[in-house]
């Protein structure tokens, strides 16, 4: 994970407790979708570092339909943000709506949120269009000084965009899935370990790697993990990794300021805090 700049960590530590309180008040009042959008715009600004007026666009139109918010940097949409009222549980149908928005406009990253629950998705432009849930979090349960929570928040932040943190994280997530694990189990180094342990367990009974591989493939792993496009792609990736590791020489170990608005308008979130 990319190292989080000190100023971003400090911003998280300062702003997260404030918005945890805001969200609790909003949840107790069961505010509507429009007010939830206002709170999320404030969070995108004060927590994630975007200019609320220049970089967070409301009612983003895509071929006659609308997504609640879009984050635009240098005239390029980086995230579509689909918002539901704070009292509504997020469902797959909500993601499907946002997916249509993104697919129709070539936008790969989607945030789905009701203020409390946040879900980050990445669209896969294949046939048919598909998507991956990269990660999700409960904003009210975040530890503002916790390393893991800060790392996850950084993926959506403006500074995280500049460091390509979301793509790096996605690649890591993709490397830890059932198909990769299946491919690793069927790899020669793993099968060699299994053969060695079987010979110990069976007191020297001879068994070759091909026999073990056939047994694991047909009787141990689920068929879907060893057959099909995703399984074959994972196995190719594992082979490539081991090939590289055999030829790779050992190596010796060895700011972007968040935008702010000049406007002095009191945000909806601050109004909630004052009224509570």
C-alpha atoms as a PDB file:
ATOM      1  CA  UNK A   1       0.000   0.000   0.000  1.00  0.00           C
ATOM      2  CA  UNK A   2       1.192   3.523  -0.829  1.00  0.00           C
ATOM      3  CA  UNK A   3       2.391   5.448   2.204  1.00  0.00           C
ATOM      4  CA  UNK A   4      -0.216   7.986   3.293  1.00  0.00           C
ATOM      5  CA  UNK A   5       1.080  11.579   3.476  1.00  0.00           C
ATOM      6  CA  UNK A   6       1.135  13.045   6.984  1.00  0.00           C
ATOM      7  CA  UNK A   7      -1.277  15.841   6.076  1.00  0.00           C
ATOM      8  CA  UNK A   8      -3.844  13.295   4.843  1.00  0.00           C
ATOM      9  CA  UNK A   9      -3.542  11.210   8.021  1.00  0.00           C
ATOM     10  CA  UNK A  10      -4.040  14.380  10.068  1.00  0.00           C
ATOM     11  CA  UNK A  11      -7.075  15.343   7.989  1.00  0.00           C
ATOM     12  CA  UNK A  12      -8.602  11.905   8.562  1.00  0.00           C
ATOM     13  CA  UNK A  13      -7.949  12.099  12.302  1.00  0.00           C
ATOM     14  CA  UNK A  14      -9.610  15.513  12.517  1.00  0.00           C
ATOM     15  CA  UNK A  15     -12.601  15.076  10.204  1.00  0.00           C
ATOM     16  CA  UNK A  16     -13.720  11.462  10.705  1.00  0.00           C
ATOM     17  CA  UNK A  17     -14.977  11.854  14.306  1.00  0.00           C
ATOM     18  CA  UNK A  18     -16.965  14.924  13.204  1.00  0.00           C
ATOM     19  CA  UNK A  19     -18.738  13.025  10.437  1.00  0.00           C
ATOM     20  CA  UNK A  20     -19.326   9.975  12.586  1.00  0.00           C
ATOM     21  CA  UNK A  21     -21.343  12.294  14.814  1.00  0.00           C
ATOM     22  CA  UNK A  22     -23.083  13.891  11.803  1.00  0.00           C
ATOM     23  CA  UNK A  23     -24.088  10.480  10.452  1.00  0.00           C
ATOM     24  CA  UNK A  24     -25.480   9.379  13.820  1.00  0.00           C
ATOM     25  CA  UNK A  25     -27.667  12.491  13.972  1.00  0.00           C
ATOM     26  CA  UNK A  26     -28.776  12.000  10.366  1.00  0.00           C
ATOM     27  CA  UNK A  27     -29.574   8.328  11.000  1.00  0.00           C
ATOM     28  CA  UNK A  28     -31.646   9.202  14.097  1.00  0.00           C
ATOM     29  CA  UNK A  29     -33.591  11.752  12.041  1.00  0.00           C
ATOM     30  CA  UNK A  30     -33.870   9.371   9.089  1.00  0.00           C
ATOM     31  CA  UNK A  31     -32.950  12.135   6.626  1.00  0.00           C
ATOM     32  CA  UNK A  32     -33.986  11.769   2.997  1.00  0.00           C
ATOM     33  CA  UNK A  33     -31.806  11.023  -0.034  1.00  0.00           C
ATOM     34  CA  UNK A  34     -31.287  14.681  -0.923  1.00  0.00           C
ATOM     35  CA  UNK A  35     -29.944  15.447   2.559  1.00  0.00           C
ATOM     36  CA  UNK A  36     -27.795  12.302   2.466  1.00  0.00           C
ATOM     37  CA  UNK A  37     -26.278  13.562  -0.797  1.00  0.00           C
ATOM     38  CA  UNK A  38     -25.439  16.846   0.967  1.00  0.00           C
ATOM     39  CA  UNK A  39     -23.677  14.996   3.786  1.00  0.00           C
ATOM     40  CA  UNK A  40     -21.698  12.854   1.340  1.00  0.00           C
ATOM     41  CA  UNK A  41     -20.608  15.963  -0.550  1.00  0.00           C
ATOM     42  CA  UNK A  42     -19.316  17.356   2.736  1.00  0.00           C
ATOM     43  CA  UNK A  43     -17.474  14.087   3.459  1.00  0.00           C
ATOM     44  CA  UNK A  44     -15.937  14.049  -0.017  1.00  0.00           C
ATOM     45  CA  UNK A  45     -14.657  17.544   0.679  1.00  0.00           C
ATOM     46  CA  UNK A  46     -13.536  17.501   4.317  1.00  0.00           C
ATOM     47  CA  UNK A  47     -12.481  13.857   4.610  1.00  0.00           C
ATOM     48  CA  UNK A  48     -11.375  12.909   1.099  1.00  0.00           C
ATOM     49  CA  UNK A  49      -9.925  16.263   0.080  1.00  0.00           C
ATOM     50  CA  UNK A  50     -11.982  17.251  -2.999  1.00  0.00           C
ATOM     51  CA  UNK A  51     -13.200  20.752  -3.753  1.00  0.00           C
ATOM     52  CA  UNK A  52     -16.926  20.502  -3.123  1.00  0.00           C
ATOM     53  CA  UNK A  53     -17.760  23.132  -5.718  1.00  0.00           C
ATOM     54  CA  UNK A  54     -15.238  22.472  -8.480  1.00  0.00           C
ATOM     55  CA  UNK A  55     -14.541  18.731  -8.313  1.00  0.00           C
ATOM     56  CA  UNK A  56     -17.775  17.197  -6.982  1.00  0.00           C
ATOM     57  CA  UNK A  57     -20.491  17.460  -9.618  1.00  0.00           C
ATOM     58  CA  UNK A  58     -24.150  16.927  -8.728  1.00  0.00           C
ATOM     59  CA  UNK A  59     -26.752  15.181 -10.915  1.00  0.00           C
ATOM     60  CA  UNK A  60     -24.254  13.948 -13.469  1.00  0.00           C
ATOM     61  CA  UNK A  61     -26.115  13.243 -16.725  1.00  0.00           C
ATOM     62  CA  UNK A  62     -25.303  10.142 -18.756  1.00  0.00           C
ATOM     63  CA  UNK A  63     -27.348   9.538 -21.899  1.00  0.00           C
ATOM     64  CA  UNK A  64     -30.546  10.868 -20.426  1.00  0.00           C
ATOM     65  CA  UNK A  65     -30.134   9.254 -16.994  1.00  0.00           C
ATOM     66  CA  UNK A  66     -28.525  10.693 -13.882  1.00  0.00           C
ATOM     67  CA  UNK A  67     -26.057   9.584 -11.253  1.00  0.00           C
ATOM     68  CA  UNK A  68     -26.190  11.497  -7.972  1.00  0.00           C
ATOM     69  CA  UNK A  69     -22.572  12.691  -7.924  1.00  0.00           C
ATOM     70  CA  UNK A  70     -19.406  12.516  -9.979  1.00  0.00           C
ATOM     71  CA  UNK A  71     -15.846  13.334  -8.939  1.00  0.00           C
ATOM     72  CA  UNK A  72     -14.077  15.130 -11.777  1.00  0.00           C
ATOM     73  CA  UNK A  73     -10.392  15.999 -11.848  1.00  0.00           C
ATOM     74  CA  UNK A  74      -9.042  17.916 -14.856  1.00  0.00           C
ATOM     75  CA  UNK A  75     -12.335  17.335 -16.718  1.00  0.00           C
ATOM     76  CA  UNK A  76     -12.069  13.568 -16.291  1.00  0.00           C
ATOM     77  CA  UNK A  77     -14.608  11.657 -14.199  1.00  0.00           C
ATOM     78  CA  UNK A  78     -12.701   9.552 -11.659  1.00  0.00           C
ATOM     79  CA  UNK A  79     -15.638   8.203  -9.655  1.00  0.00           C
ATOM     80  CA  UNK A  80     -19.389   8.012 -10.057  1.00  0.00           C
ATOM     81  CA  UNK A  81     -21.136   8.189  -6.690  1.00  0.00           C
ATOM     82  CA  UNK A  82     -24.591   6.677  -6.351  1.00  0.00           C
ATOM     83  CA  UNK A  83     -26.315   7.735  -3.133  1.00  0.00           C
ATOM     84  CA  UNK A  84     -29.250   6.231  -1.253  1.00  0.00           C
ATOM     85  CA  UNK A  85     -31.015   7.703   1.767  1.00  0.00           C
ATOM     86  CA  UNK A  86     -29.259   6.977   5.042  1.00  0.00           C
ATOM     87  CA  UNK A  87     -32.059   4.676   6.231  1.00  0.00           C
ATOM     88  CA  UNK A  88     -31.952   2.451   3.126  1.00  0.00           C
ATOM     89  CA  UNK A  89     -29.838  -0.704   3.121  1.00  0.00           C
ATOM     90  CA  UNK A  90     -27.624  -0.952   0.042  1.00  0.00           C
ATOM     91  CA  UNK A  91     -28.619  -3.721  -2.361  1.00  0.00           C
ATOM     92  CA  UNK A  92     -27.302  -5.228  -5.573  1.00  0.00           C
ATOM     93  CA  UNK A  93     -30.081  -3.489  -7.532  1.00  0.00           C
ATOM     94  CA  UNK A  94     -28.626  -0.131  -6.466  1.00  0.00           C
ATOM     95  CA  UNK A  95     -25.232  -1.195  -7.805  1.00  0.00           C
ATOM     96  CA  UNK A  96     -26.821  -2.355 -11.047  1.00  0.00           C
ATOM     97  CA  UNK A  97     -28.193   1.143 -11.565  1.00  0.00           C
ATOM     98  CA  UNK A  98     -24.764   2.703 -11.010  1.00  0.00           C
ATOM     99  CA  UNK A  99     -23.194   0.018 -13.196  1.00  0.00           C
ATOM    100  CA  UNK A 100     -25.371   1.110 -16.105  1.00  0.00           C
ATOM    101  CA  UNK A 101     -24.264   4.697 -15.572  1.00  0.00           C
ATOM    102  CA  UNK A 102     -20.579   3.767 -15.598  1.00  0.00           C
ATOM    103  CA  UNK A 103     -20.797   1.299 -18.487  1.00  0.00           C
ATOM    104  CA  UNK A 104     -22.589   3.840 -20.683  1.00  0.00           C
ATOM    105  CA  UNK A 105     -19.897   6.435 -20.158  1.00  0.00           C
ATOM    106  CA  UNK A 106     -16.733   4.356 -19.882  1.00  0.00           C
ATOM    107  CA  UNK A 107     -16.260   5.189 -16.186  1.00  0.00           C
ATOM    108  CA  UNK A 108     -14.597   2.312 -14.347  1.00  0.00           C
ATOM    109  CA  UNK A 109     -14.916   3.259 -10.689  1.00  0.00           C
ATOM    110  CA  UNK A 110     -18.195   3.454  -8.747  1.00  0.00           C
ATOM    111  CA  UNK A 111     -18.896   4.416  -5.141  1.00  0.00           C
ATOM    112  CA  UNK A 112     -22.244   3.323  -3.690  1.00  0.00           C
ATOM    113  CA  UNK A 113     -23.151   4.816  -0.319  1.00  0.00           C
ATOM    114  CA  UNK A 114     -25.945   5.697   2.082  1.00  0.00           C
ATOM    115  CA  UNK A 115     -23.534   7.807   4.126  1.00  0.00           C
ATOM    116  CA  UNK A 116     -22.835   5.098   6.674  1.00  0.00           C
ATOM    117  CA  UNK A 117     -22.039   2.151   4.417  1.00  0.00           C
ATOM    118  CA  UNK A 118     -19.572   2.761   1.580  1.00  0.00           C
ATOM    119  CA  UNK A 119     -18.850   0.307  -1.235  1.00  0.00           C
ATOM    120  CA  UNK A 120     -16.136   0.746  -3.866  1.00  0.00           C
ATOM    121  CA  UNK A 121     -16.606  -1.100  -7.175  1.00  0.00           C
ATOM    122  CA  UNK A 122     -14.536  -1.449 -10.321  1.00  0.00           C
ATOM    123  CA  UNK A 123     -16.283  -2.171 -13.616  1.00  0.00           C
ATOM    124  CA  UNK A 124     -14.854  -4.805 -15.921  1.00  0.00           C
ATOM    125  CA  UNK A 125     -15.537  -3.825 -19.523  1.00  0.00           C
ATOM    126  CA  UNK A 126     -16.050  -7.299 -20.900  1.00  0.00           C
ATOM    127  CA  UNK A 127     -18.980  -9.155 -22.459  1.00  0.00           C
ATOM    128  CA  UNK A 128     -21.211  -9.132 -20.552  1.00  0.00           C
ATOM    129  CA  UNK A 129     -20.233  -6.098 -18.470  1.00  0.00           C
ATOM    130  CA  UNK A 130     -19.262  -7.207 -14.981  1.00  0.00           C
ATOM    131  CA  UNK A 131     -17.872  -5.672 -11.808  1.00  0.00           C
ATOM    132  CA  UNK A 132     -15.863  -6.407  -8.674  1.00  0.00           C
ATOM    133  CA  UNK A 133     -16.517  -5.194  -5.156  1.00  0.00           C
ATOM    134  CA  UNK A 134     -13.053  -3.901  -4.258  1.00  0.00           C
ATOM    135  CA  UNK A 135     -13.887  -3.222  -0.612  1.00  0.00           C
ATOM    136  CA  UNK A 136     -16.561  -1.804   1.683  1.00  0.00           C
ATOM    137  CA  UNK A 137     -16.599  -0.113   5.079  1.00  0.00           C
ATOM    138  CA  UNK A 138     -18.933   1.279   7.728  1.00  0.00           C
ATOM    139  CA  UNK A 139     -18.010   4.948   8.188  1.00  0.00           C
ATOM    140  CA  UNK A 140     -19.355   5.010  11.760  1.00  0.00           C
ATOM    141  CA  UNK A 141     -17.039   2.137  12.725  1.00  0.00           C
ATOM    142  CA  UNK A 142     -13.826   3.615  11.332  1.00  0.00           C
ATOM    143  CA  UNK A 143     -10.863   4.075  13.637  1.00  0.00           C
ATOM    144  CA  UNK A 144      -9.581   7.483  12.496  1.00  0.00           C
ATOM    145  CA  UNK A 145      -6.045   6.587  13.557  1.00  0.00           C
ATOM    146  CA  UNK A 146      -6.119   2.908  12.549  1.00  0.00           C
ATOM    147  CA  UNK A 147      -3.657   2.060   9.792  1.00  0.00           C
ATOM    148  CA  UNK A 148      -5.922  -0.347   7.904  1.00  0.00           C
ATOM    149  CA  UNK A 149      -8.913   2.010   7.978  1.00  0.00           C
ATOM    150  CA  UNK A 150      -6.782   4.929   6.813  1.00  0.00           C
ATOM    151  CA  UNK A 151      -5.364   2.830   3.981  1.00  0.00           C
ATOM    152  CA  UNK A 152      -8.888   2.007   2.788  1.00  0.00           C
ATOM    153  CA  UNK A 153     -10.025   5.630   2.957  1.00  0.00           C
ATOM    154  CA  UNK A 154      -6.931   6.721   1.047  1.00  0.00           C
ATOM    155  CA  UNK A 155      -8.122   4.764  -2.005  1.00  0.00           C
ATOM    156  CA  UNK A 156     -10.998   7.214  -2.511  1.00  0.00           C
ATOM    157  CA  UNK A 157      -9.086  10.356  -1.534  1.00  0.00           C
ATOM    158  CA  UNK A 158      -7.803  12.968  -3.956  1.00  0.00           C
ATOM    159  CA  UNK A 159      -4.230  12.265  -2.913  1.00  0.00           C
ATOM    160  CA  UNK A 160      -4.804   8.548  -3.440  1.00  0.00           C
ATOM    161  CA  UNK A 161      -5.828   9.253  -7.025  1.00  0.00           C
ATOM    162  CA  UNK A 162      -2.557  11.069  -7.627  1.00  0.00           C
ATOM    163  CA  UNK A 163      -0.622   8.035  -6.354  1.00  0.00           C
ATOM    164  CA  UNK A 164      -2.790   5.499  -8.254  1.00  0.00           C
ATOM    165  CA  UNK A 165      -3.561   3.803  -4.937  1.00  0.00           C
ATOM    166  CA  UNK A 166      -6.888   2.321  -6.037  1.00  0.00           C
ATOM    167  CA  UNK A 167      -5.370   0.460  -9.009  1.00  0.00           C
ATOM    168  CA  UNK A 168      -2.505  -0.872  -6.915  1.00  0.00           C
ATOM    169  CA  UNK A 169      -4.918  -2.098  -4.248  1.00  0.00           C
ATOM    170  CA  UNK A 170      -7.184  -3.681  -6.869  1.00  0.00           C
ATOM    171  CA  UNK A 171      -4.273  -5.621  -8.328  1.00  0.00           C
ATOM    172  CA  UNK A 172      -3.442  -6.980  -4.882  1.00  0.00           C
ATOM    173  CA  UNK A 173      -7.062  -7.969  -4.264  1.00  0.00           C
ATOM    174  CA  UNK A 174      -7.166  -9.753  -7.612  1.00  0.00           C
ATOM    175  CA  UNK A 175      -4.050 -11.697  -6.632  1.00  0.00           C
ATOM    176  CA  UNK A 176      -5.792 -13.156  -3.597  1.00  0.00           C
ATOM    177  CA  UNK A 177      -8.797 -15.039  -4.917  1.00  0.00           C
ATOM    178  CA  UNK A 178      -9.949 -18.652  -5.148  1.00  0.00           C
ATOM    179  CA  UNK A 179      -8.624 -19.117  -8.679  1.00  0.00           C
ATOM    180  CA  UNK A 180      -5.130 -17.927  -7.765  1.00  0.00           C
ATOM    181  CA  UNK A 181      -5.160 -20.134  -4.681  1.00  0.00           C
ATOM    182  CA  UNK A 182      -6.262 -23.066  -6.841  1.00  0.00           C
ATOM    183  CA  UNK A 183      -3.453 -22.292  -9.282  1.00  0.00           C
ATOM    184  CA  UNK A 184      -0.898 -22.123  -6.472  1.00  0.00           C
ATOM    185  CA  UNK A 185      -2.037 -25.485  -5.113  1.00  0.00           C
ATOM    186  CA  UNK A 186      -1.541 -27.028  -8.575  1.00  0.00           C
ATOM    187  CA  UNK A 187       1.867 -25.398  -9.042  1.00  0.00           C
ATOM    188  CA  UNK A 188       5.018 -27.512  -9.036  1.00  0.00           C
ATOM    189  CA  UNK A 189       6.510 -26.028  -5.812  1.00  0.00           C
ATOM    190  CA  UNK A 190       3.320 -26.787  -3.845  1.00  0.00           C
ATOM    191  CA  UNK A 191       2.944 -30.258  -5.357  1.00  0.00           C
ATOM    192  CA  UNK A 192       6.583 -30.994  -4.472  1.00  0.00           C
ATOM    193  CA  UNK A 193       5.888 -30.134  -0.846  1.00  0.00           C
ATOM    194  CA  UNK A 194       2.790 -32.350  -0.885  1.00  0.00           C
ATOM    195  CA  UNK A 195       4.814 -35.248  -2.345  1.00  0.00           C
ATOM    196  CA  UNK A 196       7.494 -34.834   0.307  1.00  0.00           C
ATOM    197  CA  UNK A 197       4.947 -34.788   3.142  1.00  0.00           C
ATOM    198  CA  UNK A 198       3.013 -37.734   1.671  1.00  0.00           C
ATOM    199  CA  UNK A 199       6.199 -39.787   1.510  1.00  0.00           C
ATOM    200  CA  UNK A 200       6.838 -39.022   5.185  1.00  0.00           C
ATOM    201  CA  UNK A 201       3.245 -39.782   6.128  1.00  0.00           C
ATOM    202  CA  UNK A 202       3.163 -43.027   4.118  1.00  0.00           C
ATOM    203  CA  UNK A 203       6.654 -44.122   5.183  1.00  0.00           C
ATOM    204  CA  UNK A 204       8.397 -43.798   1.834  1.00  0.00           C
ATOM    205  CA  UNK A 205       5.616 -44.923  -0.529  1.00  0.00           C
ATOM    206  CA  UNK A 206       6.617 -43.724  -3.991  1.00  0.00           C
ATOM    207  CA  UNK A 207       4.287 -41.251  -5.632  1.00  0.00           C
ATOM    208  CA  UNK A 208       5.076 -38.807  -8.404  1.00  0.00           C
ATOM    209  CA  UNK A 209       3.971 -35.226  -8.833  1.00  0.00           C
ATOM    210  CA  UNK A 210       1.692 -35.988 -11.794  1.00  0.00           C
ATOM    211  CA  UNK A 211      -0.299 -38.465  -9.701  1.00  0.00           C
ATOM    212  CA  UNK A 212      -0.744 -35.895  -6.935  1.00  0.00           C
ATOM    213  CA  UNK A 213      -1.703 -33.201  -9.443  1.00  0.00           C
ATOM    214  CA  UNK A 214      -4.349 -35.447 -11.019  1.00  0.00           C
ATOM    215  CA  UNK A 215      -5.776 -36.329  -7.614  1.00  0.00           C
ATOM    216  CA  UNK A 216      -5.864 -32.722  -6.420  1.00  0.00           C
ATOM    217  CA  UNK A 217      -7.362 -31.514  -9.680  1.00  0.00           C
ATOM    218  CA  UNK A 218     -10.090 -34.158  -9.936  1.00  0.00           C
ATOM    219  CA  UNK A 219     -10.873 -35.054  -6.326  1.00  0.00           C
ATOM    220  CA  UNK A 220      -9.808 -32.223  -4.020  1.00  0.00           C
ATOM    221  CA  UNK A 221     -10.490 -28.901  -5.721  1.00  0.00           C
ATOM    222  CA  UNK A 222     -13.849 -27.813  -7.062  1.00  0.00           C
ATOM    223  CA  UNK A 223     -14.117 -28.139 -10.817  1.00  0.00           C
ATOM    224  CA  UNK A 224     -14.798 -24.420 -11.262  1.00  0.00           C
ATOM    225  CA  UNK A 225     -11.397 -23.623  -9.706  1.00  0.00           C
ATOM    226  CA  UNK A 226      -9.430 -25.601 -12.274  1.00  0.00           C
ATOM    227  CA  UNK A 227     -11.511 -25.226 -15.421  1.00  0.00           C
ATOM    228  CA  UNK A 228     -12.754 -22.218 -17.346  1.00  0.00           C
ATOM    229  CA  UNK A 229     -11.290 -18.879 -18.403  1.00  0.00           C
ATOM    230  CA  UNK A 230     -10.711 -17.469 -14.909  1.00  0.00           C
ATOM    231  CA  UNK A 231      -9.030 -20.668 -13.711  1.00  0.00           C
ATOM    232  CA  UNK A 232      -6.795 -20.864 -16.781  1.00  0.00           C
ATOM    233  CA  UNK A 233      -5.858 -17.186 -16.457  1.00  0.00           C
ATOM    234  CA  UNK A 234      -4.971 -17.715 -12.789  1.00  0.00           C
ATOM    235  CA  UNK A 235      -2.846 -20.773 -13.561  1.00  0.00           C
ATOM    236  CA  UNK A 236      -1.005 -18.850 -16.287  1.00  0.00           C
ATOM    237  CA  UNK A 237      -0.393 -16.013 -13.841  1.00  0.00           C
ATOM    238  CA  UNK A 238       1.005 -18.435 -11.244  1.00  0.00           C
ATOM    239  CA  UNK A 239       3.317 -20.067 -13.833  1.00  0.00           C
ATOM    240  CA  UNK A 240       4.559 -16.665 -14.916  1.00  0.00           C
ATOM    241  CA  UNK A 241       5.227 -15.724 -11.301  1.00  0.00           C
ATOM    242  CA  UNK A 242       7.326 -18.840 -10.618  1.00  0.00           C
ATOM    243  CA  UNK A 243       9.173 -18.470 -13.904  1.00  0.00           C
ATOM    244  CA  UNK A 244      10.087 -14.898 -12.974  1.00  0.00           C
ATOM    245  CA  UNK A 245      11.099 -15.864  -9.443  1.00  0.00           C
ATOM    246  CA  UNK A 246      13.544 -18.443 -10.804  1.00  0.00           C
ATOM    247  CA  UNK A 247      15.267 -15.954 -13.114  1.00  0.00           C
ATOM    248  CA  UNK A 248      15.018 -12.767 -11.055  1.00  0.00           C
ATOM    249  CA  UNK A 249      18.266 -11.722  -9.306  1.00  0.00           C
ATOM    250  CA  UNK A 250      17.995 -11.025  -5.598  1.00  0.00           C
ATOM    251  CA  UNK A 251      17.784  -7.354  -4.769  1.00  0.00           C
ATOM    252  CA  UNK A 252      19.257  -5.621  -1.768  1.00  0.00           C
ATOM    253  CA  UNK A 253      16.682  -3.847   0.350  1.00  0.00           C
ATOM    254  CA  UNK A 254      16.843  -0.483   0.225  1.00  0.00           C
ATOM    255  CA  UNK A 255       1.799  16.818  -1.882  1.00  0.00           C
ATOM    256  CA  UNK A 256      -0.752  17.506  -3.197  1.00  0.00           C
ATOM    257  CA  UNK A 257      -2.736  20.085  -1.289  1.00  0.00           C
ATOM    258  CA  UNK A 258      -6.497  19.385  -1.024  1.00  0.00           C
ATOM    259  CA  UNK A 259      -8.536  21.988  -2.807  1.00  0.00           C
ATOM    260  CA  UNK A 260     -10.734  24.269  -0.696  1.00  0.00           C
ATOM    261  CA  UNK A 261     -13.583  26.565  -1.542  1.00  0.00           C
ATOM    262  CA  UNK A 262     -13.510  30.260  -0.923  1.00  0.00           C
ATOM    263  CA  UNK A 263     -17.236  30.238  -0.204  1.00  0.00           C
ATOM    264  CA  UNK A 264     -18.292  30.622   3.439  1.00  0.00           C
ATOM    265  CA  UNK A 265     -21.550  28.739   3.057  1.00  0.00           C
ATOM    266  CA  UNK A 266     -22.524  26.658   6.112  1.00  0.00           C
ATOM    267  CA  UNK A 267     -22.722  23.013   5.085  1.00  0.00           C
ATOM    268  CA  UNK A 268     -25.712  20.784   5.759  1.00  0.00           C
ATOM    269  CA  UNK A 269     -23.516  18.660   8.028  1.00  0.00           C
ATOM    270  CA  UNK A 270     -22.536  21.675  10.159  1.00  0.00           C
ATOM    271  CA  UNK A 271     -26.203  22.662  10.444  1.00  0.00           C
ATOM    272  CA  UNK A 272     -27.005  19.194  11.785  1.00  0.00           C
ATOM    273  CA  UNK A 273     -24.264  19.508  14.387  1.00  0.00           C
ATOM    274  CA  UNK A 274     -25.477  22.941  15.515  1.00  0.00           C
ATOM    275  CA  UNK A 275     -29.070  21.772  15.822  1.00  0.00           C
ATOM    276  CA  UNK A 276     -28.197  18.674  17.849  1.00  0.00           C
END
